[in-house]
Amino acid sequence: MIAVIKVGGQQYKVEKDQTLYVPRVEGNAGDNVELEVLLADADGKLSVGSAVKTKVQAEIVDHVKGDTVIAYKQKRRKGFHKKKGHRTAYTKIKVTSIA
């Protein structure tokens, strides 16, 4: 069974026992969360929109940070430069069931 879920404004195609990184989800490691399902495919039977009765359960494995992204600005011959960086917060989840 395959489902398309929506987490943090992004869509992911998931299967059972799949592990993926999504934008930060509230909760602690080990907590179970129920994710919003947009589309479900059960052996060729496709359900979309309000006809979706499928529920996707996932377990939060860990909270991690992404790679450092540097924003550097400079104006030539003026002595102006500015360097800022940030690391995006992600949550590692494992899909435990699609039912």
N, C-alpha and C. Protein backbone atom coordinates (compact mmCIF):
# COMPACT_ATOMS: atom_id res chain seq x y z
N MET A 1 0.84 -1.17 0.00
CA MET A 1 0.00 0.00 0.00
C MET A 1 0.89 1.24 0.00
N ILE A 2 0.52 2.20 -0.80
CA ILE A 2 1.27 3.45 -0.93
C ILE A 2 0.34 4.60 -0.57
N ALA A 3 0.90 5.62 0.09
CA ALA A 3 0.11 6.80 0.44
C ALA A 3 0.95 8.04 0.19
N VAL A 4 0.27 9.12 -0.13
CA VAL A 4 0.91 10.43 -0.25
C VAL A 4 0.47 11.24 0.97
N ILE A 5 1.46 11.67 1.76
CA ILE A 5 1.15 12.40 2.98
C ILE A 5 1.63 13.85 2.86
N LYS A 6 1.07 14.70 3.72
CA LYS A 6 1.47 16.11 3.73
C LYS A 6 2.01 16.43 5.12
N VAL A 7 3.26 16.90 5.15
CA VAL A 7 3.90 17.27 6.41
C VAL A 7 4.62 18.59 6.20
N GLY A 8 4.26 19.59 6.97
CA GLY A 8 4.95 20.87 6.90
C GLY A 8 4.86 21.54 5.55
N GLY A 9 3.75 21.37 4.85
CA GLY A 9 3.57 22.01 3.55
C GLY A 9 4.23 21.27 2.40
N GLN A 10 4.83 20.12 2.66
CA GLN A 10 5.46 19.33 1.61
C GLN A 10 4.80 17.96 1.53
N GLN A 11 4.83 17.36 0.34
CA GLN A 11 4.19 16.07 0.13
C GLN A 11 5.24 14.99 -0.05
N TYR A 12 4.96 13.81 0.50
CA TYR A 12 5.88 12.67 0.43
C TYR A 12 5.10 11.42 0.07
N LYS A 13 5.68 10.59 -0.78
CA LYS A 13 5.11 9.29 -1.10
C LYS A 13 5.76 8.28 -0.16
N VAL A 14 4.94 7.57 0.62
CA VAL A 14 5.47 6.67 1.64
C VAL A 14 4.90 5.27 1.53
N GLU A 15 5.66 4.33 2.05
CA GLU A 15 5.25 2.93 2.19
C GLU A 15 5.51 2.52 3.64
N LYS A 16 5.01 1.37 4.02
CA LYS A 16 5.21 0.88 5.38
C LYS A 16 6.69 0.62 5.62
N ASP A 17 7.15 0.90 6.83
CA ASP A 17 8.54 0.72 7.28
C ASP A 17 9.54 1.63 6.59
N GLN A 18 9.08 2.67 5.92
CA GLN A 18 9.99 3.62 5.28
C GLN A 18 10.43 4.67 6.29
N THR A 19 11.69 5.07 6.19
CA THR A 19 12.24 6.11 7.05
C THR A 19 12.53 7.33 6.19
N LEU A 20 12.13 8.52 6.68
CA LEU A 20 12.40 9.73 5.91
C LEU A 20 12.56 10.94 6.83
N TYR A 21 13.16 11.98 6.28
CA TYR A 21 13.37 13.23 7.00
C TYR A 21 12.33 14.23 6.53
N VAL A 22 11.60 14.82 7.48
CA VAL A 22 10.56 15.79 7.17
C VAL A 22 10.84 17.06 7.98
N PRO A 23 10.23 18.18 7.61
CA PRO A 23 10.40 19.38 8.44
C PRO A 23 9.95 19.09 9.87
N ARG A 24 10.51 19.80 10.80
CA ARG A 24 10.32 19.52 12.23
C ARG A 24 8.86 19.30 12.61
N VAL A 25 8.62 18.19 13.31
CA VAL A 25 7.30 17.81 13.82
C VAL A 25 7.37 17.86 15.35
N GLU A 26 6.36 18.42 15.97
CA GLU A 26 6.34 18.51 17.43
C GLU A 26 6.23 17.12 18.05
N GLY A 27 6.96 16.90 19.12
CA GLY A 27 6.93 15.64 19.84
C GLY A 27 8.34 15.21 20.21
N ASN A 28 8.42 14.19 21.02
CA ASN A 28 9.72 13.66 21.45
C ASN A 28 10.03 12.37 20.72
N ALA A 29 11.29 11.96 20.76
CA ALA A 29 11.70 10.71 20.14
C ALA A 29 10.93 9.57 20.79
N GLY A 30 10.36 8.70 19.97
CA GLY A 30 9.58 7.57 20.47
C GLY A 30 8.08 7.81 20.42
N ASP A 31 7.66 9.06 20.24
CA ASP A 31 6.23 9.37 20.15
C ASP A 31 5.67 8.92 18.81
N ASN A 32 4.38 8.58 18.82
CA ASN A 32 3.68 8.24 17.58
C ASN A 32 2.86 9.44 17.13
N VAL A 33 2.85 9.67 15.81
CA VAL A 33 2.07 10.77 15.24
C VAL A 33 1.23 10.24 14.10
N GLU A 34 0.08 10.88 13.89
CA GLU A 34 -0.78 10.53 12.76
C GLU A 34 -0.63 11.63 11.73
N LEU A 35 -0.37 11.24 10.48
CA LEU A 35 -0.07 12.19 9.42
C LEU A 35 -1.26 12.36 8.48
N GLU A 36 -1.36 13.55 7.87
CA GLU A 36 -2.45 13.87 6.96
C GLU A 36 -2.24 13.14 5.63
N VAL A 37 -3.26 12.41 5.17
CA VAL A 37 -3.17 11.62 3.94
C VAL A 37 -3.92 12.34 2.83
N LEU A 38 -3.25 12.52 1.69
CA LEU A 38 -3.86 13.17 0.54
C LEU A 38 -4.35 12.17 -0.50
N LEU A 39 -3.63 11.05 -0.62
CA LEU A 39 -3.94 10.05 -1.64
C LEU A 39 -3.53 8.69 -1.11
N ALA A 40 -4.31 7.66 -1.41
CA ALA A 40 -3.97 6.30 -0.99
C ALA A 40 -4.21 5.34 -2.14
N ASP A 41 -3.29 4.39 -2.30
CA ASP A 41 -3.40 3.38 -3.34
C ASP A 41 -3.31 2.01 -2.67
N ALA A 42 -4.42 1.27 -2.68
CA ALA A 42 -4.47 -0.05 -2.08
C ALA A 42 -4.73 -1.08 -3.17
N ASP A 43 -3.68 -1.69 -3.68
CA ASP A 43 -3.79 -2.73 -4.71
C ASP A 43 -4.58 -2.26 -5.92
N GLY A 44 -4.26 -1.07 -6.41
CA GLY A 44 -4.91 -0.56 -7.61
C GLY A 44 -6.15 0.27 -7.36
N LYS A 45 -6.66 0.26 -6.14
CA LYS A 45 -7.83 1.08 -5.80
C LYS A 45 -7.33 2.42 -5.28
N LEU A 46 -7.59 3.45 -6.03
CA LEU A 46 -7.09 4.78 -5.72
C LEU A 46 -8.17 5.60 -5.03
N SER A 47 -7.83 6.23 -3.92
CA SER A 47 -8.76 7.13 -3.24
C SER A 47 -8.07 8.47 -3.03
N VAL A 48 -8.80 9.53 -3.37
CA VAL A 48 -8.24 10.87 -3.34
C VAL A 48 -9.20 11.82 -2.63
N GLY A 49 -8.66 12.83 -1.97
CA GLY A 49 -9.48 13.88 -1.37
C GLY A 49 -10.28 13.41 -0.18
N SER A 50 -11.56 13.77 -0.16
CA SER A 50 -12.40 13.43 0.99
C SER A 50 -12.76 11.95 1.04
N ALA A 51 -12.51 11.21 -0.04
CA ALA A 51 -12.80 9.77 -0.06
C ALA A 51 -11.73 8.94 0.64
N VAL A 52 -10.65 9.56 1.07
CA VAL A 52 -9.56 8.84 1.73
C VAL A 52 -9.95 8.50 3.16
N LYS A 53 -9.96 7.22 3.47
CA LYS A 53 -10.25 6.75 4.83
C LYS A 53 -8.98 6.19 5.48
N THR A 54 -7.88 6.23 4.77
CA THR A 54 -6.62 5.66 5.23
C THR A 54 -5.98 6.54 6.30
N LYS A 55 -5.36 5.90 7.28
CA LYS A 55 -4.62 6.61 8.32
C LYS A 55 -3.17 6.14 8.28
N VAL A 56 -2.27 7.09 8.36
CA VAL A 56 -0.84 6.78 8.37
C VAL A 56 -0.29 7.12 9.75
N GLN A 57 0.27 6.11 10.41
CA GLN A 57 0.90 6.27 11.71
C GLN A 57 2.41 6.24 11.52
N ALA A 58 3.11 7.14 12.20
CA ALA A 58 4.57 7.19 12.12
C ALA A 58 5.15 7.38 13.51
N GLU A 59 6.37 6.91 13.68
CA GLU A 59 7.07 7.06 14.95
C GLU A 59 8.21 8.05 14.76
N ILE A 60 8.34 8.98 15.69
CA ILE A 60 9.46 9.93 15.64
C ILE A 60 10.70 9.22 16.13
N VAL A 61 11.70 9.14 15.25
CA VAL A 61 12.94 8.46 15.59
C VAL A 61 13.92 9.44 16.24
N ASP A 62 14.07 10.63 15.64
CA ASP A 62 15.05 11.58 16.15
C ASP A 62 14.79 12.96 15.57
N HIS A 63 15.31 13.98 16.23
CA HIS A 63 15.31 15.35 15.71
C HIS A 63 16.74 15.68 15.33
N VAL A 64 16.94 16.15 14.11
CA VAL A 64 18.29 16.46 13.62
C VAL A 64 18.30 17.83 12.95
N LYS A 65 19.50 18.33 12.69
CA LYS A 65 19.66 19.57 11.96
C LYS A 65 20.32 19.27 10.63
N GLY A 66 19.95 20.04 9.61
CA GLY A 66 20.51 19.87 8.28
C GLY A 66 21.89 20.50 8.18
N ASP A 67 22.44 20.49 6.98
CA ASP A 67 23.74 21.09 6.74
C ASP A 67 23.66 22.61 6.89
N THR A 68 24.79 23.22 7.17
CA THR A 68 24.85 24.66 7.32
C THR A 68 24.69 25.34 5.97
N VAL A 69 23.81 26.32 5.92
CA VAL A 69 23.61 27.12 4.70
C VAL A 69 24.12 28.51 5.02
N ILE A 70 25.07 29.01 4.22
CA ILE A 70 25.69 30.31 4.46
C ILE A 70 25.12 31.33 3.49
N ALA A 71 24.68 32.47 4.00
CA ALA A 71 24.25 33.60 3.18
C ALA A 71 25.32 34.68 3.33
N TYR A 72 26.03 34.97 2.25
CA TYR A 72 27.13 35.94 2.29
C TYR A 72 26.82 37.07 1.33
N LYS A 73 26.91 38.30 1.83
CA LYS A 73 26.68 39.48 1.00
C LYS A 73 27.90 40.38 1.09
N GLN A 74 28.24 41.01 -0.04
CA GLN A 74 29.38 41.90 -0.06
C GLN A 74 29.17 42.96 -1.12
N LYS A 75 29.60 44.18 -0.81
CA LYS A 75 29.60 45.25 -1.81
C LYS A 75 31.05 45.60 -2.10
N ARG A 76 31.42 45.53 -3.33
CA ARG A 76 32.82 45.73 -3.66
C ARG A 76 33.26 47.18 -3.43
N ARG A 77 34.49 47.30 -3.00
CA ARG A 77 35.17 48.58 -2.76
C ARG A 77 34.53 49.42 -1.64
N LYS A 78 33.60 48.89 -0.89
CA LYS A 78 32.94 49.65 0.17
C LYS A 78 33.31 49.15 1.57
N GLY A 79 33.93 48.02 1.65
CA GLY A 79 34.27 47.45 2.95
C GLY A 79 33.08 46.79 3.64
N PHE A 80 31.98 46.60 2.92
CA PHE A 80 30.77 46.01 3.51
C PHE A 80 30.72 44.53 3.19
N HIS A 81 30.61 43.73 4.21
CA HIS A 81 30.32 42.31 4.02
C HIS A 81 29.56 41.79 5.23
N LYS A 82 28.70 40.84 4.97
CA LYS A 82 27.83 40.29 6.00
C LYS A 82 27.74 38.79 5.77
N LYS A 83 27.93 38.01 6.81
CA LYS A 83 27.88 36.55 6.69
C LYS A 83 26.95 36.01 7.77
N LYS A 84 25.91 35.30 7.35
CA LYS A 84 24.98 34.67 8.28
C LYS A 84 24.80 33.23 7.84
N GLY A 85 24.53 32.38 8.79
CA GLY A 85 24.30 30.98 8.46
C GLY A 85 23.16 30.42 9.30
N HIS A 86 22.57 29.34 8.82
CA HIS A 86 21.53 28.67 9.60
C HIS A 86 21.50 27.19 9.25
N ARG A 87 20.93 26.43 10.15
CA ARG A 87 20.75 24.99 9.94
C ARG A 87 19.27 24.68 10.14
N THR A 88 18.65 24.09 9.13
CA THR A 88 17.22 23.77 9.18
C THR A 88 16.99 22.56 10.08
N ALA A 89 15.93 22.63 10.87
CA ALA A 89 15.57 21.53 11.77
C ALA A 89 14.70 20.51 11.05
N TYR A 90 15.08 19.23 11.15
CA TYR A 90 14.34 18.14 10.53
C TYR A 90 13.97 17.11 11.59
N THR A 91 12.97 16.31 11.29
CA THR A 91 12.59 15.20 12.14
C THR A 91 12.70 13.92 11.32
N LYS A 92 13.37 12.94 11.88
CA LYS A 92 13.48 11.63 11.23
C LYS A 92 12.31 10.79 11.72
N ILE A 93 11.45 10.34 10.78
CA ILE A 93 10.29 9.53 11.17
C ILE A 93 10.33 8.19 10.45
N LYS A 94 9.68 7.22 11.05
CA LYS A 94 9.54 5.89 10.45
C LYS A 94 8.06 5.58 10.36
N VAL A 95 7.57 5.26 9.17
CA VAL A 95 6.17 4.94 8.97
C VAL A 95 5.93 3.54 9.52
N THR A 96 5.06 3.45 10.52
CA THR A 96 4.82 2.15 11.16
C THR A 96 3.62 1.42 10.57
N SER A 97 2.59 2.19 10.14
CA SER A 97 1.43 1.51 9.56
C SER A 97 0.68 2.42 8.63
N ILE A 98 0.12 1.79 7.60
CA ILE A 98 -0.79 2.47 6.67
C ILE A 98 -2.04 1.62 6.64
N ALA A 99 -3.11 2.12 7.24
CA ALA A 99 -4.34 1.32 7.33
C ALA A 99 -5.55 2.18 7.01
